[in-house]
Amino acid sequence: MKEISSPSKAYVCKIIEANRGGFFVEVQGVDAFMPGSLAAANKISDFQSYVGKKIIVMIEDYLQDMKSFIVSHKKYIEYILPKKISELSLSDKYTGTVTGASKYGIFIEFNEIFTGLLHKSKMKPDTYSRFKDRKYNSGDSIEFYIGEITKDNRIILTEESLEEKRKKIERSEEHTSELQSH
């Protein structure tokens, strides 16, 4: 019961069966339930694709009347996120999956636990054109870099590498000194 109020342990669960509301899972020989809303960082569109998978969960609650544990993968993600964020690199190229779009950009899930926004101002022209024409769909693969991680752990994505940024700054500085010398 202590794990519900102050979680410190994570468990591997096997997803046994899916229904409209979530998943029946097995955790260390104990049957439990994982609501669909707690099974992933983002909305799940195909519950059946999760059957048979093993994922890491934490205890969310215990329903006395049903004598059943409720488990959550989302709780595990929130628990490990600060540590995992510190392992991200601004110089590495990542590949992720589009999970949705807004008028500001594309939401991308990567490394199974992170979601970031590729803002339209951080897109290369061909990506922006495809975004503007609404040609990105959930499940599409896309490559990007980490542009910034905010104080509240929001991940801002970019298509520009650190090297491309560095060159752009150098060109800007050269242009500025040329203008100042005239």
C-alpha atoms as a PDB file:
ATOM      1  CA  MET A   1       0.000   0.000   0.000  1.00  0.00           C
ATOM      2  CA  LYS A   2       2.972   2.309   0.615  1.00  0.00           C
ATOM      3  CA  GLU A   3       3.807   2.021  -3.109  1.00  0.00           C
ATOM      4  CA  ILE A   4       0.545   3.780  -4.000  1.00  0.00           C
ATOM      5  CA  SER A   5       1.247   6.953  -2.014  1.00  0.00           C
ATOM      6  CA  SER A   6       5.030   7.133  -2.495  1.00  0.00           C
ATOM      7  CA  PRO A   7       6.127   4.876  -5.334  1.00  0.00           C
ATOM      8  CA  SER A   8       9.700   3.650  -5.393  1.00  0.00           C
ATOM      9  CA  LYS A   9       9.455   0.284  -7.132  1.00  0.00           C
ATOM     10  CA  ALA A  10       8.803  -0.565 -10.750  1.00  0.00           C
ATOM     11  CA  TYR A  11       7.692  -3.937 -12.058  1.00  0.00           C
ATOM     12  CA  VAL A  12       7.699  -5.645 -15.421  1.00  0.00           C
ATOM     13  CA  CYS A  13       4.185  -6.554 -16.461  1.00  0.00           C
ATOM     14  CA  LYS A  14       2.995  -8.708 -19.318  1.00  0.00           C
ATOM     15  CA  ILE A  15      -0.088  -7.553 -21.158  1.00  0.00           C
ATOM     16  CA  ILE A  16      -2.461 -10.524 -21.317  1.00  0.00           C
ATOM     17  CA  GLU A  17      -5.613  -9.098 -22.848  1.00  0.00           C
ATOM     18  CA  ALA A  18      -7.038  -5.811 -24.112  1.00  0.00           C
ATOM     19  CA  ASN A  19     -10.543  -4.455 -23.772  1.00  0.00           C
ATOM     20  CA  ARG A  20     -12.089  -1.070 -24.585  1.00  0.00           C
ATOM     21  CA  GLY A  21     -10.966   0.457 -21.291  1.00  0.00           C
ATOM     22  CA  GLY A  22      -7.457  -0.883 -21.004  1.00  0.00           C
ATOM     23  CA  PHE A  23      -5.479  -4.033 -20.356  1.00  0.00           C
ATOM     24  CA  PHE A  24      -5.501  -7.065 -18.121  1.00  0.00           C
ATOM     25  CA  VAL A  25      -1.897  -7.617 -17.096  1.00  0.00           C
ATOM     26  CA  GLU A  26       0.164  -9.984 -15.006  1.00  0.00           C
ATOM     27  CA  VAL A  27       2.733  -8.541 -12.571  1.00  0.00           C
ATOM     28  CA  GLN A  28       4.902 -11.054 -10.706  1.00  0.00           C
ATOM     29  CA  GLY A  29       2.143 -13.673 -10.765  1.00  0.00           C
ATOM     30  CA  VAL A  30      -0.587 -11.213  -9.747  1.00  0.00           C
ATOM     31  CA  ASP A  31      -3.390 -10.203 -12.105  1.00  0.00           C
ATOM     32  CA  ALA A  32      -3.916  -6.454 -12.380  1.00  0.00           C
ATOM     33  CA  PHE A  33      -5.597  -3.894 -14.602  1.00  0.00           C
ATOM     34  CA  MET A  34      -3.964  -1.052 -16.521  1.00  0.00           C
ATOM     35  CA  PRO A  35      -6.343   1.608 -17.882  1.00  0.00           C
ATOM     36  CA  GLY A  36      -5.596   2.572 -21.478  1.00  0.00           C
ATOM     37  CA  SER A  37      -4.976   6.158 -20.382  1.00  0.00           C
ATOM     38  CA  LEU A  38      -2.117   4.968 -18.125  1.00  0.00           C
ATOM     39  CA  ALA A  39      -0.515   2.530 -20.580  1.00  0.00           C
ATOM     40  CA  ALA A  40       1.638   4.913 -22.651  1.00  0.00           C
ATOM     41  CA  ALA A  41       2.979   8.446 -22.825  1.00  0.00           C
ATOM     42  CA  ASN A  42       0.536   9.251 -25.617  1.00  0.00           C
ATOM     43  CA  LYS A  43      -2.886   8.094 -26.786  1.00  0.00           C
ATOM     44  CA  ILE A  44      -2.955   4.464 -27.944  1.00  0.00           C
ATOM     45  CA  SER A  45      -4.797   3.908 -31.198  1.00  0.00           C
ATOM     46  CA  ASP A  46      -4.445   0.106 -31.426  1.00  0.00           C
ATOM     47  CA  PHE A  47      -4.931  -1.609 -28.056  1.00  0.00           C
ATOM     48  CA  GLN A  48      -4.581  -5.095 -29.573  1.00  0.00           C
ATOM     49  CA  SER A  49      -1.010  -4.337 -30.696  1.00  0.00           C
ATOM     50  CA  TYR A  50      -0.007  -4.212 -27.011  1.00  0.00           C
ATOM     51  CA  VAL A  51      -1.173  -7.755 -26.190  1.00  0.00           C
ATOM     52  CA  GLY A  52       1.832  -9.946 -25.400  1.00  0.00           C
ATOM     53  CA  LYS A  53       4.175  -6.996 -24.790  1.00  0.00           C
ATOM     54  CA  LYS A  54       6.119  -6.508 -21.593  1.00  0.00           C
ATOM     55  CA  ILE A  55       6.312  -2.995 -20.172  1.00  0.00           C
ATOM     56  CA  ILE A  56       7.453  -1.436 -16.920  1.00  0.00           C
ATOM     57  CA  VAL A  57       4.757  -0.231 -14.523  1.00  0.00           C
ATOM     58  CA  MET A  58       4.282   1.160 -11.051  1.00  0.00           C
ATOM     59  CA  ILE A  59       1.351   0.590  -8.693  1.00  0.00           C
ATOM     60  CA  GLU A  60      -1.321   3.262  -9.177  1.00  0.00           C
ATOM     61  CA  ASP A  61      -4.071   2.075  -6.832  1.00  0.00           C
ATOM     62  CA  TYR A  62      -5.758  -0.899  -5.198  1.00  0.00           C
ATOM     63  CA  LEU A  63      -9.505  -1.384  -5.632  1.00  0.00           C
ATOM     64  CA  GLN A  64     -10.655  -3.078  -2.445  1.00  0.00           C
ATOM     65  CA  ASP A  65     -14.101  -4.052  -3.760  1.00  0.00           C
ATOM     66  CA  MET A  66     -12.579  -5.752  -6.818  1.00  0.00           C
ATOM     67  CA  LYS A  67      -9.459  -6.946  -4.951  1.00  0.00           C
ATOM     68  CA  SER A  68      -7.398  -5.727  -7.875  1.00  0.00           C
ATOM     69  CA  PHE A  69      -4.299  -3.617  -8.350  1.00  0.00           C
ATOM     70  CA  ILE A  70      -4.319  -0.811 -10.889  1.00  0.00           C
ATOM     71  CA  VAL A  71      -0.921  -0.312 -12.521  1.00  0.00           C
ATOM     72  CA  SER A  72       0.451   2.521 -14.618  1.00  0.00           C
ATOM     73  CA  HIS A  73       3.195   2.806 -17.209  1.00  0.00           C
ATOM     74  CA  LYS A  74       2.632   6.586 -17.237  1.00  0.00           C
ATOM     75  CA  LYS A  75       3.513   6.768 -13.524  1.00  0.00           C
ATOM     76  CA  TYR A  76       6.765   4.933 -14.271  1.00  0.00           C
ATOM     77  CA  ILE A  77       7.574   7.382 -17.072  1.00  0.00           C
ATOM     78  CA  GLU A  78       6.976  10.367 -14.759  1.00  0.00           C
ATOM     79  CA  TYR A  79       9.172   8.721 -12.122  1.00  0.00           C
ATOM     80  CA  ILE A  80      12.179   8.143 -14.400  1.00  0.00           C
ATOM     81  CA  LEU A  81      11.764  11.133 -16.728  1.00  0.00           C
ATOM     82  CA  PRO A  82      14.106  13.562 -14.918  1.00  0.00           C
ATOM     83  CA  LYS A  83      16.962  11.031 -14.953  1.00  0.00           C
ATOM     84  CA  LYS A  84      16.345  10.007 -18.567  1.00  0.00           C
ATOM     85  CA  ILE A  85      16.123  13.628 -19.747  1.00  0.00           C
ATOM     86  CA  SER A  86      19.612  14.247 -18.413  1.00  0.00           C
ATOM     87  CA  GLU A  87      20.859  11.494 -20.758  1.00  0.00           C
ATOM     88  CA  LEU A  88      19.584  13.256 -23.911  1.00  0.00           C
ATOM     89  CA  SER A  89      22.184  14.874 -26.145  1.00  0.00           C
ATOM     90  CA  LEU A  90      21.823  18.097 -28.118  1.00  0.00           C
ATOM     91  CA  SER A  91      24.267  16.792 -30.724  1.00  0.00           C
ATOM     92  CA  ASP A  92      22.704  13.387 -31.453  1.00  0.00           C
ATOM     93  CA  LYS A  93      20.202  12.837 -34.235  1.00  0.00           C
ATOM     94  CA  TYR A  94      17.039  11.037 -33.109  1.00  0.00           C
ATOM     95  CA  THR A  95      14.258   9.275 -34.951  1.00  0.00           C
ATOM     96  CA  GLY A  96      10.741   9.420 -33.609  1.00  0.00           C
ATOM     97  CA  THR A  97       7.111   8.793 -34.435  1.00  0.00           C
ATOM     98  CA  VAL A  98       4.585  11.520 -35.140  1.00  0.00           C
ATOM     99  CA  THR A  99       1.774  11.355 -32.569  1.00  0.00           C
ATOM    100  CA  GLY A 100      -0.144  14.442 -33.622  1.00  0.00           C
ATOM    101  CA  ALA A 101      -0.012  18.000 -34.882  1.00  0.00           C
ATOM    102  CA  SER A 102      -1.228  21.424 -33.808  1.00  0.00           C
ATOM    103  CA  LYS A 103      -1.151  24.763 -35.559  1.00  0.00           C
ATOM    104  CA  TYR A 104       2.305  25.278 -34.003  1.00  0.00           C
ATOM    105  CA  GLY A 105       4.031  22.077 -35.034  1.00  0.00           C
ATOM    106  CA  ILE A 106       4.320  18.322 -34.845  1.00  0.00           C
ATOM    107  CA  PHE A 107       4.362  16.235 -31.662  1.00  0.00           C
ATOM    108  CA  ILE A 108       6.904  13.433 -31.810  1.00  0.00           C
ATOM    109  CA  GLU A 109       7.381  10.482 -29.468  1.00  0.00           C
ATOM    110  CA  PHE A 110      10.858   8.947 -29.228  1.00  0.00           C
ATOM    111  CA  ASN A 111      12.869   6.497 -27.141  1.00  0.00           C
ATOM    112  CA  GLU A 112       9.531   5.082 -25.897  1.00  0.00           C
ATOM    113  CA  ILE A 113       9.069   7.667 -23.120  1.00  0.00           C
ATOM    114  CA  PHE A 114       9.695  11.142 -24.530  1.00  0.00           C
ATOM    115  CA  THR A 115       7.397  13.463 -26.409  1.00  0.00           C
ATOM    116  CA  GLY A 116       8.649  16.683 -27.928  1.00  0.00           C
ATOM    117  CA  LEU A 117       7.346  19.430 -30.180  1.00  0.00           C
ATOM    118  CA  LEU A 118       8.964  20.203 -33.511  1.00  0.00           C
ATOM    119  CA  HIS A 119       7.795  23.817 -33.855  1.00  0.00           C
ATOM    120  CA  LYS A 120       7.101  25.036 -37.385  1.00  0.00           C
ATOM    121  CA  SER A 121       9.879  27.646 -36.964  1.00  0.00           C
ATOM    122  CA  LYS A 122      12.392  24.815 -36.359  1.00  0.00           C
ATOM    123  CA  MET A 123      11.450  22.825 -39.486  1.00  0.00           C
ATOM    124  CA  LYS A 124      13.454  22.650 -42.684  1.00  0.00           C
ATOM    125  CA  PRO A 125      11.571  23.925 -45.764  1.00  0.00           C
ATOM    126  CA  ASP A 126      10.490  20.497 -47.081  1.00  0.00           C
ATOM    127  CA  THR A 127       9.212  19.428 -43.637  1.00  0.00           C
ATOM    128  CA  TYR A 128       7.397  22.750 -43.192  1.00  0.00           C
ATOM    129  CA  SER A 129       5.750  22.392 -46.586  1.00  0.00           C
ATOM    130  CA  ARG A 130       4.559  18.883 -45.730  1.00  0.00           C
ATOM    131  CA  PHE A 131       3.350  20.116 -42.296  1.00  0.00           C
ATOM    132  CA  LYS A 132       1.506  23.092 -43.839  1.00  0.00           C
ATOM    133  CA  ASP A 133      -0.209  20.742 -46.309  1.00  0.00           C
ATOM    134  CA  ARG A 134      -1.265  18.493 -43.365  1.00  0.00           C
ATOM    135  CA  LYS A 135       0.592  15.512 -44.781  1.00  0.00           C
ATOM    136  CA  TYR A 136       1.991  14.233 -41.472  1.00  0.00           C
ATOM    137  CA  ASN A 137      -0.010  11.414 -39.920  1.00  0.00           C
ATOM    138  CA  SER A 138       0.225   9.617 -36.592  1.00  0.00           C
ATOM    139  CA  GLY A 139       2.784   6.857 -36.951  1.00  0.00           C
ATOM    140  CA  ASP A 140       4.976   8.641 -39.526  1.00  0.00           C
ATOM    141  CA  SER A 141       8.697   8.452 -38.820  1.00  0.00           C
ATOM    142  CA  ILE A 142      10.762  11.647 -38.634  1.00  0.00           C
ATOM    143  CA  GLU A 143      14.378  12.574 -37.786  1.00  0.00           C
ATOM    144  CA  PHE A 144      15.309  15.537 -35.566  1.00  0.00           C
ATOM    145  CA  TYR A 145      17.665  16.932 -32.939  1.00  0.00           C
ATOM    146  CA  ILE A 146      16.962  18.119 -29.411  1.00  0.00           C
ATOM    147  CA  GLY A 147      16.946  21.919 -29.619  1.00  0.00           C
ATOM    148  CA  GLU A 148      16.289  22.683 -25.979  1.00  0.00           C
ATOM    149  CA  ILE A 149      14.994  21.207 -22.737  1.00  0.00           C
ATOM    150  CA  THR A 150      13.064  23.770 -20.719  1.00  0.00           C
ATOM    151  CA  LYS A 151      13.168  24.137 -16.924  1.00  0.00           C
ATOM    152  CA  ASP A 152       9.867  22.264 -16.676  1.00  0.00           C
ATOM    153  CA  ASN A 153      11.306  19.380 -18.777  1.00  0.00           C
ATOM    154  CA  ARG A 154       9.488  20.193 -22.017  1.00  0.00           C
ATOM    155  CA  ILE A 155      11.503  18.997 -24.979  1.00  0.00           C
ATOM    156  CA  ILE A 156      11.778  21.380 -27.928  1.00  0.00           C
ATOM    157  CA  LEU A 157      12.886  19.697 -31.142  1.00  0.00           C
ATOM    158  CA  THR A 158      14.643  21.077 -34.209  1.00  0.00           C
ATOM    159  CA  GLU A 159      15.788  19.797 -37.573  1.00  0.00           C
ATOM    160  CA  GLU A 160      18.945  21.893 -37.390  1.00  0.00           C
ATOM    161  CA  SER A 161      22.057  20.177 -36.026  1.00  0.00           C
ATOM    162  CA  LEU A 162      24.455  21.940 -33.657  1.00  0.00           C
ATOM    163  CA  GLU A 163      26.974  22.155 -36.513  1.00  0.00           C
ATOM    164  CA  GLU A 164      24.406  23.834 -38.791  1.00  0.00           C
ATOM    165  CA  LYS A 165      23.581  26.305 -35.989  1.00  0.00           C
ATOM    166  CA  ARG A 166      27.267  27.045 -35.430  1.00  0.00           C
ATOM    167  CA  LYS A 167      27.821  27.767 -39.140  1.00  0.00           C
ATOM    168  CA  LYS A 168      24.759  30.015 -39.252  1.00  0.00           C
ATOM    169  CA  ILE A 169      26.067  32.032 -36.275  1.00  0.00           C
ATOM    170  CA  GLU A 170      29.533  32.322 -37.856  1.00  0.00           C
ATOM    171  CA  ARG A 171      28.024  33.564 -41.146  1.00  0.00           C
ATOM    172  CA  SER A 172      25.904  36.063 -39.206  1.00  0.00           C
ATOM    173  CA  GLU A 173      28.953  37.340 -37.282  1.00  0.00           C
ATOM    174  CA  GLU A 174      30.971  37.670 -40.523  1.00  0.00           C
ATOM    175  CA  HIS A 175      28.105  39.578 -42.147  1.00  0.00           C
ATOM    176  CA  THR A 176      27.803  41.875 -39.107  1.00  0.00           C
ATOM    177  CA  SER A 177      31.539  42.697 -39.087  1.00  0.00           C
ATOM    178  CA  GLU A 178      31.421  43.362 -42.845  1.00  0.00           C
ATOM    179  CA  LEU A 179      28.562  45.830 -42.314  1.00  0.00           C
ATOM    180  CA  GLN A 180      30.418  47.520 -39.431  1.00  0.00           C
ATOM    181  CA  SER A 181      33.596  47.973 -41.499  1.00  0.00           C
ATOM    182  CA  HIS A 182      31.716  49.865 -44.219  1.00  0.00           C
END
